[in-house]
Amino acid sequence: MYMSNSGESNAAPKIRIRGTSSIIGNREPLWVVDGIVVKDPVPISPDELNDPDYINRLGNAISGLNPQDIERLDVLKDASATALYGTKAANGVIVITTKRGKEGPAKIRYTNSFTWKARPRYTDRSVDVMNSKERIELSKQLAAQHYVYPQGNAYVGYEYLMDELYNGRINVSQFNEQLAWFETVNTDWFDLLTHDSFSQSHTFNVSGGGQKASYYASFGYTNNIFVITF
């Protein structure tokens, strides 16, 4: 089972082969690449992080493997997996076979992918927030209903002006003047905190060989830029 871990930037997906229940805290499958057992790049146990899935945010065991270099992927989840790899295969085994050179003339392959992501905008359907004038109107309604704010609360906007007026630091004329200005202030926080992004990935590999030897070389470049999404 392939699941998205979270909406966090650069969070690695998680894979479950034998369900989500575990008495030992670790639910990650065993990764085997070309016959070699590969461990997680950061040796932090789920118990230390108090979250069995938090380790996925640090990258799994094959996070550095280029997907374009994978020739075959097998999933072992029955008794044969335990027989081959022992108790560490209790959560299942994912066996990966990478590409190798084959007899014949040299072959050159180039692949690429490009992704463009738009930043959130207040015009998006998923964004439903008040503008400054609507926020002032809400504050007026709360004041008319004698709403009591928690002690130590930092006042802003209409509440701040009311506090200034009641404590004699401004007069009514100044109150109305500043209130009119507050109703026109609309900060585009999405524009200040996020931006449109362009990501790209390139892979270049060469393979070939003769009767006695073969070769396969791969070079990859990835530039991922993330934005906050809803």
Protein backbone atom coordinates (compact mmCIF):
# COMPACT_ATOMS: atom_id res chain seq x y z
CA MET A 1 0.00 0.00 0.00
CA TYR A 2 1.42 3.36 -1.10
CA MET A 3 0.38 6.38 0.96
CA SER A 4 1.25 10.04 1.07
CA ASN A 5 2.86 10.78 4.42
CA SER A 6 1.79 14.40 4.79
CA GLY A 7 1.55 17.71 3.02
CA GLU A 8 4.94 18.77 4.20
CA SER A 9 7.54 19.82 1.68
CA ASN A 10 9.86 17.03 0.57
CA ALA A 11 8.14 14.47 2.78
CA ALA A 12 8.89 10.95 1.57
CA PRO A 13 5.90 8.70 0.82
CA LYS A 14 5.37 5.68 3.06
CA ILE A 15 4.77 2.10 1.95
CA ARG A 16 2.88 -0.50 3.96
CA ILE A 17 2.99 -4.19 2.97
CA ARG A 18 1.62 -5.89 6.07
CA GLY A 19 -0.86 -3.34 7.37
CA THR A 20 -0.42 -0.53 9.89
CA SER A 21 -0.49 -2.38 13.23
CA SER A 22 2.80 -3.00 15.00
CA ILE A 23 3.88 -3.76 18.57
CA ILE A 24 7.49 -2.73 17.94
CA GLY A 25 6.81 0.74 16.55
CA ASN A 26 8.66 0.24 13.24
CA ARG A 27 6.37 -0.49 10.30
CA GLU A 28 8.78 0.12 7.44
CA PRO A 29 9.44 -2.69 4.94
CA LEU A 30 12.92 -4.08 4.40
CA TRP A 31 14.61 -2.65 1.29
CA VAL A 32 16.98 -4.85 -0.72
CA VAL A 33 18.83 -3.33 -3.68
CA ASP A 34 20.74 -5.77 -5.93
CA GLY A 35 20.92 -8.28 -3.10
CA ILE A 36 22.17 -5.79 -0.50
CA VAL A 37 20.00 -4.80 2.46
CA VAL A 38 19.77 -1.02 2.57
CA LYS A 39 19.09 0.79 5.84
CA ASP A 40 17.53 4.19 6.50
CA PRO A 41 19.96 7.09 5.98
CA VAL A 42 19.25 8.55 9.41
CA PRO A 43 19.47 6.03 12.28
CA ILE A 44 16.63 7.46 14.36
CA SER A 45 14.09 5.06 15.76
CA PRO A 46 10.36 5.88 15.77
CA ASP A 47 10.36 5.66 19.59
CA GLU A 48 12.91 8.49 19.78
CA LEU A 49 10.71 10.70 17.63
CA ASN A 50 7.49 9.59 19.35
CA ASP A 51 5.90 9.02 15.96
CA PRO A 52 6.26 5.79 13.93
CA ASP A 53 5.77 7.63 10.65
CA TYR A 54 8.00 10.62 11.33
CA ILE A 55 11.04 8.79 9.94
CA ASN A 56 9.49 9.07 6.46
CA ARG A 57 10.00 12.82 6.62
CA LEU A 58 13.76 12.24 6.78
CA GLY A 59 13.83 10.04 3.67
CA ASN A 60 13.61 6.27 3.38
CA ALA A 61 16.37 3.78 2.58
CA ILE A 62 16.24 4.31 -1.20
CA SER A 63 15.65 8.06 -1.24
CA GLY A 64 18.96 8.49 -3.09
CA LEU A 65 18.16 5.96 -5.82
CA ASN A 66 17.18 7.37 -9.20
CA PRO A 67 13.84 5.82 -10.30
CA GLN A 68 15.14 5.77 -13.88
CA ASP A 69 17.81 3.25 -12.79
CA ILE A 70 15.28 0.68 -11.53
CA GLU A 71 14.84 -2.33 -13.80
CA ARG A 72 12.52 -4.46 -11.64
CA LEU A 73 10.72 -4.24 -8.32
CA ASP A 74 9.41 -7.28 -6.41
CA VAL A 75 7.38 -7.33 -3.21
CA LEU A 76 7.75 -10.27 -0.80
CA LYS A 77 5.18 -10.58 1.95
CA ASP A 78 4.77 -14.28 2.75
CA ALA A 79 6.79 -16.77 4.78
CA SER A 80 9.49 -16.90 2.12
CA ALA A 81 10.51 -13.33 2.99
CA THR A 82 11.13 -14.26 6.63
CA ALA A 83 12.98 -17.40 5.56
CA LEU A 84 15.37 -15.35 3.41
CA TYR A 85 15.92 -12.26 5.57
CA GLY A 86 14.87 -13.29 9.09
CA THR A 87 12.72 -11.38 11.55
CA LYS A 88 13.70 -8.01 10.08
CA ALA A 89 11.46 -8.95 7.13
CA ALA A 90 8.35 -9.07 9.33
CA ASN A 91 6.95 -5.94 7.64
CA GLY A 92 7.60 -7.32 4.16
CA VAL A 93 10.49 -6.98 1.74
CA ILE A 94 10.85 -4.81 -1.35
CA VAL A 95 13.50 -6.21 -3.70
CA ILE A 96 14.87 -3.78 -6.29
CA THR A 97 16.97 -4.78 -9.27
CA THR A 98 18.79 -1.94 -11.00
CA LYS A 99 19.55 -1.70 -14.69
CA ARG A 100 22.73 -3.26 -16.08
CA GLY A 101 24.63 -3.09 -19.29
CA LYS A 102 23.85 -5.65 -22.00
CA GLU A 103 25.90 -7.03 -24.81
CA GLY A 104 25.76 -4.83 -27.85
CA PRO A 105 26.72 -1.37 -29.06
CA ALA A 106 26.62 1.59 -26.70
CA LYS A 107 23.14 2.95 -26.02
CA ILE A 108 22.56 6.48 -24.80
CA ARG A 109 19.31 7.47 -23.17
CA TYR A 110 18.17 10.83 -21.88
CA THR A 111 14.93 11.47 -19.97
CA ASN A 112 13.57 14.59 -18.36
CA SER A 113 10.51 15.93 -16.60
CA PHE A 114 9.34 19.42 -15.77
CA THR A 115 6.75 20.55 -13.21
CA TRP A 116 5.21 23.94 -12.64
CA LYS A 117 3.27 24.65 -9.45
CA ALA A 118 1.17 27.73 -8.83
CA ARG A 119 1.26 29.36 -5.42
CA PRO A 120 -2.01 29.74 -3.46
CA ARG A 121 -4.08 32.80 -4.23
CA TYR A 122 -7.01 34.43 -2.47
CA THR A 123 -9.06 33.85 -5.61
CA ASP A 124 -8.73 30.05 -5.20
CA ARG A 125 -11.92 28.21 -4.25
CA SER A 126 -10.12 26.49 -1.37
CA VAL A 127 -9.25 29.88 0.18
CA ASP A 128 -12.16 31.50 1.99
CA VAL A 129 -11.00 34.29 4.29
CA MET A 130 -12.24 37.74 5.23
CA ASN A 131 -10.76 40.94 3.91
CA SER A 132 -9.91 43.83 6.22
CA LYS A 133 -13.32 45.48 6.01
CA GLU A 134 -15.13 42.20 6.77
CA ARG A 135 -12.80 41.60 9.71
CA ILE A 136 -13.63 45.05 11.11
CA GLU A 137 -17.36 44.30 10.78
CA LEU A 138 -16.89 41.07 12.73
CA SER A 139 -15.08 42.96 15.47
CA LYS A 140 -17.93 45.46 15.66
CA GLN A 141 -20.44 42.63 16.06
CA LEU A 142 -18.37 41.07 18.85
CA ALA A 143 -18.13 44.45 20.61
CA ALA A 144 -21.92 44.94 20.31
CA GLN A 145 -22.40 41.55 21.96
CA HIS A 146 -20.00 42.56 24.80
CA TYR A 147 -17.57 39.80 23.94
CA VAL A 148 -14.79 39.52 26.55
CA TYR A 149 -11.33 38.76 25.16
CA PRO A 150 -8.90 36.61 27.18
CA GLN A 151 -6.54 38.49 29.45
CA GLY A 152 -3.12 39.15 27.98
CA ASN A 153 -4.50 38.99 24.45
CA ALA A 154 -2.65 41.25 22.00
CA TYR A 155 -5.13 43.67 20.45
CA VAL A 156 -4.96 44.49 16.74
CA GLY A 157 -7.18 46.35 14.32
CA TYR A 158 -10.56 47.40 15.70
CA GLU A 159 -9.87 45.93 19.14
CA TYR A 160 -6.62 47.90 19.34
CA LEU A 161 -8.35 51.17 18.44
CA MET A 162 -11.12 50.54 20.98
CA ASP A 163 -8.52 49.94 23.67
CA GLU A 164 -6.71 53.12 22.70
CA LEU A 165 -9.98 55.11 22.77
CA TYR A 166 -11.20 53.74 26.13
CA ASN A 167 -7.83 54.51 27.73
CA GLY A 168 -7.81 58.08 26.42
CA ARG A 169 -4.76 57.72 24.20
CA ILE A 170 -6.73 58.82 21.11
CA ASN A 171 -9.91 60.84 20.61
CA VAL A 172 -13.02 59.96 18.58
CA SER A 173 -11.79 61.81 15.50
CA GLN A 174 -8.51 59.93 15.53
CA PHE A 175 -10.38 56.68 16.13
CA ASN A 176 -12.58 57.16 13.06
CA GLU A 177 -9.63 58.23 10.91
CA GLN A 178 -7.50 55.21 11.79
CA LEU A 179 -10.49 52.86 11.53
CA ALA A 180 -11.14 54.01 7.96
CA TRP A 181 -7.52 53.27 7.12
CA PHE A 182 -7.63 49.80 8.73
CA GLU A 183 -10.60 48.89 6.53
CA THR A 184 -8.46 49.42 3.42
CA VAL A 185 -5.42 47.40 4.52
CA ASN A 186 -5.30 44.01 2.78
CA THR A 187 -1.95 42.22 2.88
CA ASP A 188 -1.43 39.47 0.31
CA TRP A 189 0.37 37.03 2.63
CA PHE A 190 0.41 34.33 -0.05
CA ASP A 191 2.43 36.64 -2.27
CA LEU A 192 4.85 37.48 0.55
CA LEU A 193 5.36 33.93 1.83
CA THR A 194 5.06 31.75 -1.28
CA HIS A 195 5.80 31.88 -4.99
CA ASP A 196 5.16 29.95 -8.17
CA SER A 197 7.74 27.21 -8.63
CA PHE A 198 9.37 25.34 -11.48
CA SER A 199 10.96 21.94 -10.85
CA GLN A 200 13.00 19.85 -13.23
CA SER A 201 14.62 16.42 -13.37
CA HIS A 202 17.17 15.09 -15.87
CA THR A 203 18.68 11.62 -16.25
CA PHE A 204 21.43 10.60 -18.69
CA ASN A 205 22.68 7.01 -18.92
CA VAL A 206 25.03 5.00 -21.13
CA SER A 207 25.04 1.19 -21.39
CA GLY A 208 26.55 -1.49 -23.53
CA GLY A 209 29.12 -4.26 -23.45
CA GLY A 210 30.69 -7.25 -25.09
CA GLN A 211 30.90 -10.98 -24.48
CA LYS A 212 33.24 -10.64 -21.49
CA ALA A 213 32.13 -7.41 -19.83
CA SER A 214 29.29 -4.93 -19.78
CA TYR A 215 28.84 -1.42 -18.43
CA TYR A 216 26.09 0.91 -17.28
CA ALA A 217 26.59 4.48 -16.12
CA SER A 218 23.89 6.89 -15.04
CA PHE A 219 23.91 10.59 -14.16
CA GLY A 220 20.95 12.46 -12.72
CA TYR A 221 20.08 16.00 -11.75
CA THR A 222 16.97 17.09 -9.86
CA ASN A 223 15.93 20.56 -8.77
CA ASN A 224 12.74 20.52 -6.70
CA ILE A 225 11.15 23.71 -5.42
CA PHE A 226 8.07 23.38 -3.23
CA VAL A 227 5.19 25.70 -2.44
CA ILE A 228 2.49 25.51 0.20
CA THR A 229 -0.66 23.87 -1.16
CA PHE A 230 -4.17 23.41 0.20
